[in-house]
N, C-alpha and C. Protein backbone atom coordinates (compact mmCIF):
# COMPACT_ATOMS: atom_id res chain seq x y z
N MET A 1 111.90 72.15 94.20
CA MET A 1 111.55 72.27 95.65
C MET A 1 112.52 73.22 96.32
N ALA A 2 113.69 73.29 95.89
CA ALA A 2 114.73 74.02 96.64
C ALA A 2 114.38 75.52 96.41
N LYS A 3 113.84 75.83 95.29
CA LYS A 3 113.51 77.17 94.91
C LYS A 3 112.20 77.66 95.82
N LYS A 4 111.45 76.68 96.22
CA LYS A 4 110.14 77.00 96.93
C LYS A 4 110.32 77.47 98.32
N PHE A 5 111.48 77.15 98.91
CA PHE A 5 111.75 77.55 100.27
C PHE A 5 113.01 78.73 100.29
N ALA A 6 113.33 79.12 99.10
CA ALA A 6 114.56 80.02 99.15
C ALA A 6 114.28 81.22 100.04
N PHE A 7 113.15 81.86 99.67
CA PHE A 7 112.69 83.11 100.38
C PHE A 7 112.75 82.88 101.96
N ALA A 8 112.16 81.95 102.23
CA ALA A 8 111.92 81.40 103.79
C ALA A 8 113.31 81.14 104.37
N LYS A 9 114.26 80.56 103.78
CA LYS A 9 115.79 80.34 104.12
C LYS A 9 116.29 81.73 104.36
N GLY A 10 116.05 82.72 103.36
CA GLY A 10 116.80 83.96 103.64
C GLY A 10 116.21 84.79 104.72
N VAL A 11 115.06 84.67 104.79
CA VAL A 11 114.30 85.34 105.98
C VAL A 11 114.90 84.99 107.24
N VAL A 12 114.95 83.60 107.37
CA VAL A 12 115.60 82.90 108.67
C VAL A 12 117.00 83.22 108.74
N THR A 13 117.80 83.27 107.76
CA THR A 13 119.11 83.67 107.77
C THR A 13 119.36 85.11 108.39
N GLY A 14 118.47 85.79 107.67
CA GLY A 14 118.61 87.49 107.95
C GLY A 14 118.17 87.68 109.37
N VAL A 15 117.20 87.10 109.93
CA VAL A 15 116.79 87.23 111.26
C VAL A 15 117.82 86.60 112.28
N ALA A 16 118.39 85.62 111.94
CA ALA A 16 119.58 84.85 112.75
C ALA A 16 120.71 85.92 112.69
N ALA A 17 121.12 86.41 111.59
CA ALA A 17 122.23 87.37 111.53
C ALA A 17 121.91 88.66 112.22
N THR A 18 120.75 89.12 112.26
CA THR A 18 120.40 90.38 112.85
C THR A 18 120.45 90.23 114.34
N ALA A 19 119.77 89.05 114.82
CA ALA A 19 119.82 88.73 116.32
C ALA A 19 121.32 88.63 116.65
N ALA A 20 122.15 87.92 116.04
CA ALA A 20 123.54 87.70 116.45
C ALA A 20 124.31 89.11 116.46
N THR A 21 123.93 90.02 115.53
CA THR A 21 124.53 91.34 115.51
C THR A 21 124.14 92.10 116.86
N VAL A 22 122.97 92.15 117.29
CA VAL A 22 122.25 92.78 118.14
C VAL A 22 122.74 92.18 119.42
N ALA A 23 123.05 91.02 119.59
CA ALA A 23 123.57 90.46 120.81
C ALA A 23 125.05 90.87 121.09
N GLY A 24 125.68 90.90 120.05
CA GLY A 24 127.12 91.22 120.02
C GLY A 24 127.29 92.62 120.41
N ALA A 25 126.52 93.60 119.82
CA ALA A 25 126.45 94.96 120.31
C ALA A 25 126.09 95.15 121.72
N VAL A 26 125.22 94.53 122.30
CA VAL A 26 124.73 94.58 123.62
C VAL A 26 125.86 94.09 124.37
N TYR A 27 126.50 92.93 124.08
CA TYR A 27 127.59 92.47 125.02
C TYR A 27 128.93 93.62 124.75
N ALA A 28 129.08 94.13 123.78
CA ALA A 28 130.26 94.90 123.62
C ALA A 28 129.88 96.34 124.52
N VAL A 29 128.63 96.83 124.51
CA VAL A 29 128.43 97.90 125.16
C VAL A 29 128.40 97.69 126.68
N LYS A 30 128.06 96.33 127.13
CA LYS A 30 128.09 95.86 128.56
C LYS A 30 129.60 96.06 129.07
N LYS A 31 130.35 95.32 128.12
CA LYS A 31 131.83 95.17 128.60
C LYS A 31 132.64 96.50 128.60
N THR A 32 132.37 97.51 127.58
CA THR A 32 133.02 98.73 127.62
C THR A 32 132.52 99.91 128.25
N ILE A 33 131.03 100.00 128.74
CA ILE A 33 130.67 101.06 129.39
C ILE A 33 130.08 100.71 130.79
N ILE A 34 129.19 99.68 130.72
CA ILE A 34 128.51 99.35 131.92
C ILE A 34 129.40 98.87 133.00
N GLU A 35 130.01 97.89 132.76
CA GLU A 35 130.89 97.15 133.82
C GLU A 35 131.92 98.06 134.44
N PRO A 36 132.73 98.67 133.52
CA PRO A 36 133.62 99.93 134.19
C PRO A 36 132.97 100.69 135.19
N GLU A 37 131.83 101.31 134.83
CA GLU A 37 131.25 102.21 135.79
C GLU A 37 130.81 101.48 137.03
N GLU A 38 130.38 100.21 136.99
CA GLU A 38 129.96 99.52 138.03
C GLU A 38 131.20 99.09 139.07
N GLU A 39 132.43 98.93 138.52
CA GLU A 39 133.75 98.79 139.19
C GLU A 39 133.98 100.01 139.79
N LYS A 40 134.00 101.13 139.18
CA LYS A 40 134.38 102.32 139.67
C LYS A 40 133.40 102.74 140.96
N ALA A 41 132.06 102.40 140.89
CA ALA A 41 131.23 102.85 141.99
C ALA A 41 131.65 101.90 143.03
N ALA A 42 131.81 100.66 142.95
CA ALA A 42 132.16 99.73 143.80
C ALA A 42 133.56 100.29 144.68
N PHE A 43 134.54 100.60 143.82
CA PHE A 43 135.88 101.02 144.33
C PHE A 43 135.64 102.21 145.28
N ILE A 44 134.63 103.15 144.85
CA ILE A 44 134.35 104.50 145.55
C ILE A 44 133.75 104.18 146.91
N GLU A 45 132.94 103.03 146.89
CA GLU A 45 131.96 102.62 148.22
C GLU A 45 132.96 101.97 149.05
N GLU A 46 133.99 101.14 148.47
CA GLU A 46 134.91 100.60 149.33
C GLU A 46 135.66 101.60 150.06
N ASN A 47 136.27 102.46 149.27
CA ASN A 47 137.03 103.73 149.97
C ASN A 47 136.33 104.62 151.02
N ARG A 48 135.08 104.75 150.79
CA ARG A 48 134.09 105.32 151.90
C ARG A 48 134.03 104.47 153.16
N LYS A 49 133.79 103.25 152.89
CA LYS A 49 133.90 102.32 154.16
C LYS A 49 135.04 102.40 154.86
N LYS A 50 136.30 102.25 154.18
CA LYS A 50 137.66 102.42 154.76
C LYS A 50 137.85 103.73 155.35
N ALA A 51 137.45 104.90 154.94
CA ALA A 51 137.50 106.06 155.48
C ALA A 51 136.68 106.30 156.74
N ALA A 52 135.47 105.47 156.80
CA ALA A 52 134.40 105.60 157.85
C ALA A 52 135.12 104.78 159.01
N ARG A 53 135.87 103.73 158.72
CA ARG A 53 136.36 102.94 159.79
C ARG A 53 137.60 103.69 160.41
N LYS A 54 138.32 104.46 159.48
CA LYS A 54 139.40 105.26 160.26
C LYS A 54 138.97 106.29 160.96
N ARG A 55 137.85 107.02 160.63
CA ARG A 55 137.47 108.13 161.56
C ARG A 55 136.85 107.48 162.95
N ILE A 56 136.17 106.32 162.77
CA ILE A 56 135.76 105.76 164.18
C ILE A 56 136.82 105.19 165.11
N ALA A 57 138.02 104.59 164.29
CA ALA A 57 139.02 104.04 165.05
C ALA A 57 139.86 105.18 165.92
N ARG A 58 139.82 106.23 165.49
CA ARG A 58 140.81 107.45 166.07
C ARG A 58 140.08 107.79 167.30
């Protein structure tokens, strides 16, 4: 009986491993590339707001 489902177990294990690998890769790309760019854009926008306030205040 164990041999009967060996192929199915292998396929399920392979699919699970592949899904975990893809999820890990997506998470790594998000942390190393996407979030730093968003933080930089937010920093630049904040500086623009501060500069606009200084221009108006004078």
